[in-house]
Amino acid sequence: MATATPARKPLSPCERRCALDAEKTRCITCLRTRDEIVAWGRMSDPERQEIMDKLPARRAAQEEHTS
């Protein structure tokens, strides 16, 4: 009998503390854009990873802007 492989949890930067920036275009917690947040559930893992790869630069830019 084959053993079922447990479902993999989707990759996500969500911290369950959504707070949009003043322009209402990006979450200041996870740094995804509104469009990215809305589309997240329909994205493939490679599409999600592409966004995840952009987040460190977004974080650095945010920190530079608030310093």
Protein backbone atom coordinates (compact mmCIF):
# COMPACT_ATOMS: atom_id res chain seq x y z
CA MET A 1 0.00 0.00 0.00
CA ALA A 2 1.36 3.42 -1.01
CA THR A 3 1.87 6.07 1.62
CA ALA A 4 0.26 9.40 0.84
CA THR A 5 2.65 12.31 0.64
CA PRO A 6 1.53 15.13 2.92
CA ALA A 7 0.41 18.24 1.07
CA ARG A 8 3.06 20.92 0.98
CA LYS A 9 2.15 24.21 2.61
CA PRO A 10 2.10 27.02 0.02
CA LEU A 11 5.01 29.40 0.13
CA SER A 12 3.88 32.75 1.55
CA PRO A 13 5.41 35.81 3.25
CA CYS A 14 2.08 36.55 4.96
CA GLU A 15 2.34 37.31 8.66
CA ARG A 16 -1.43 37.71 9.12
CA ARG A 17 -1.00 41.40 10.02
CA CYS A 18 -2.09 43.17 6.85
CA ALA A 19 -1.54 46.90 6.82
CA LEU A 20 -1.54 48.79 3.54
CA ASP A 21 0.78 51.73 2.99
CA ALA A 22 -0.54 55.27 2.66
CA GLU A 23 -1.03 54.84 -1.09
CA LYS A 24 -2.93 51.58 -0.46
CA THR A 25 -0.69 49.78 -2.93
CA ARG A 26 1.49 47.52 -0.74
CA CYS A 27 1.26 45.70 2.58
CA ILE A 28 3.86 47.19 4.90
CA THR A 29 4.16 43.87 6.76
CA CYS A 30 4.74 41.32 3.96
CA LEU A 31 5.66 43.90 1.27
CA ARG A 32 3.50 42.34 -1.42
CA THR A 33 1.45 44.63 -3.64
CA ARG A 34 -2.33 44.55 -3.48
CA ASP A 35 -2.38 42.80 -6.85
CA GLU A 36 0.10 40.17 -5.63
CA ILE A 37 -1.94 39.54 -2.48
CA VAL A 38 -5.17 39.14 -4.46
CA ALA A 39 -3.57 36.80 -7.02
CA TRP A 40 -1.50 34.77 -4.53
CA GLY A 41 -3.91 31.83 -4.27
CA ARG A 42 -3.97 31.41 -8.05
CA MET A 43 -0.21 31.68 -8.55
CA SER A 44 2.08 28.74 -9.22
CA ASP A 45 4.98 28.03 -6.87
CA PRO A 46 7.48 29.51 -9.38
CA GLU A 47 5.41 32.71 -9.60
CA ARG A 48 5.29 32.91 -5.81
CA GLN A 49 9.02 32.30 -5.58
CA GLU A 50 9.66 35.13 -8.04
CA ILE A 51 7.85 37.50 -5.69
CA MET A 52 9.55 36.04 -2.62
CA ASP A 53 12.92 36.71 -4.30
CA LYS A 54 12.00 40.41 -4.66
CA LEU A 55 11.06 40.90 -1.01
CA PRO A 56 14.56 41.43 0.45
CA ALA A 57 15.14 44.36 -1.91
CA ARG A 58 11.72 45.76 -1.07
CA ARG A 59 12.51 45.43 2.66
CA ALA A 60 15.84 47.24 2.18
CA ALA A 61 14.14 50.03 0.24
CA GLN A 62 11.46 50.36 2.91
CA GLU A 63 14.06 50.55 5.67
CA GLU A 64 16.05 53.13 3.73
CA HIS A 65 12.91 55.22 3.18
CA THR A 66 11.95 55.14 6.89
CA SER A 67 15.45 55.85 8.23
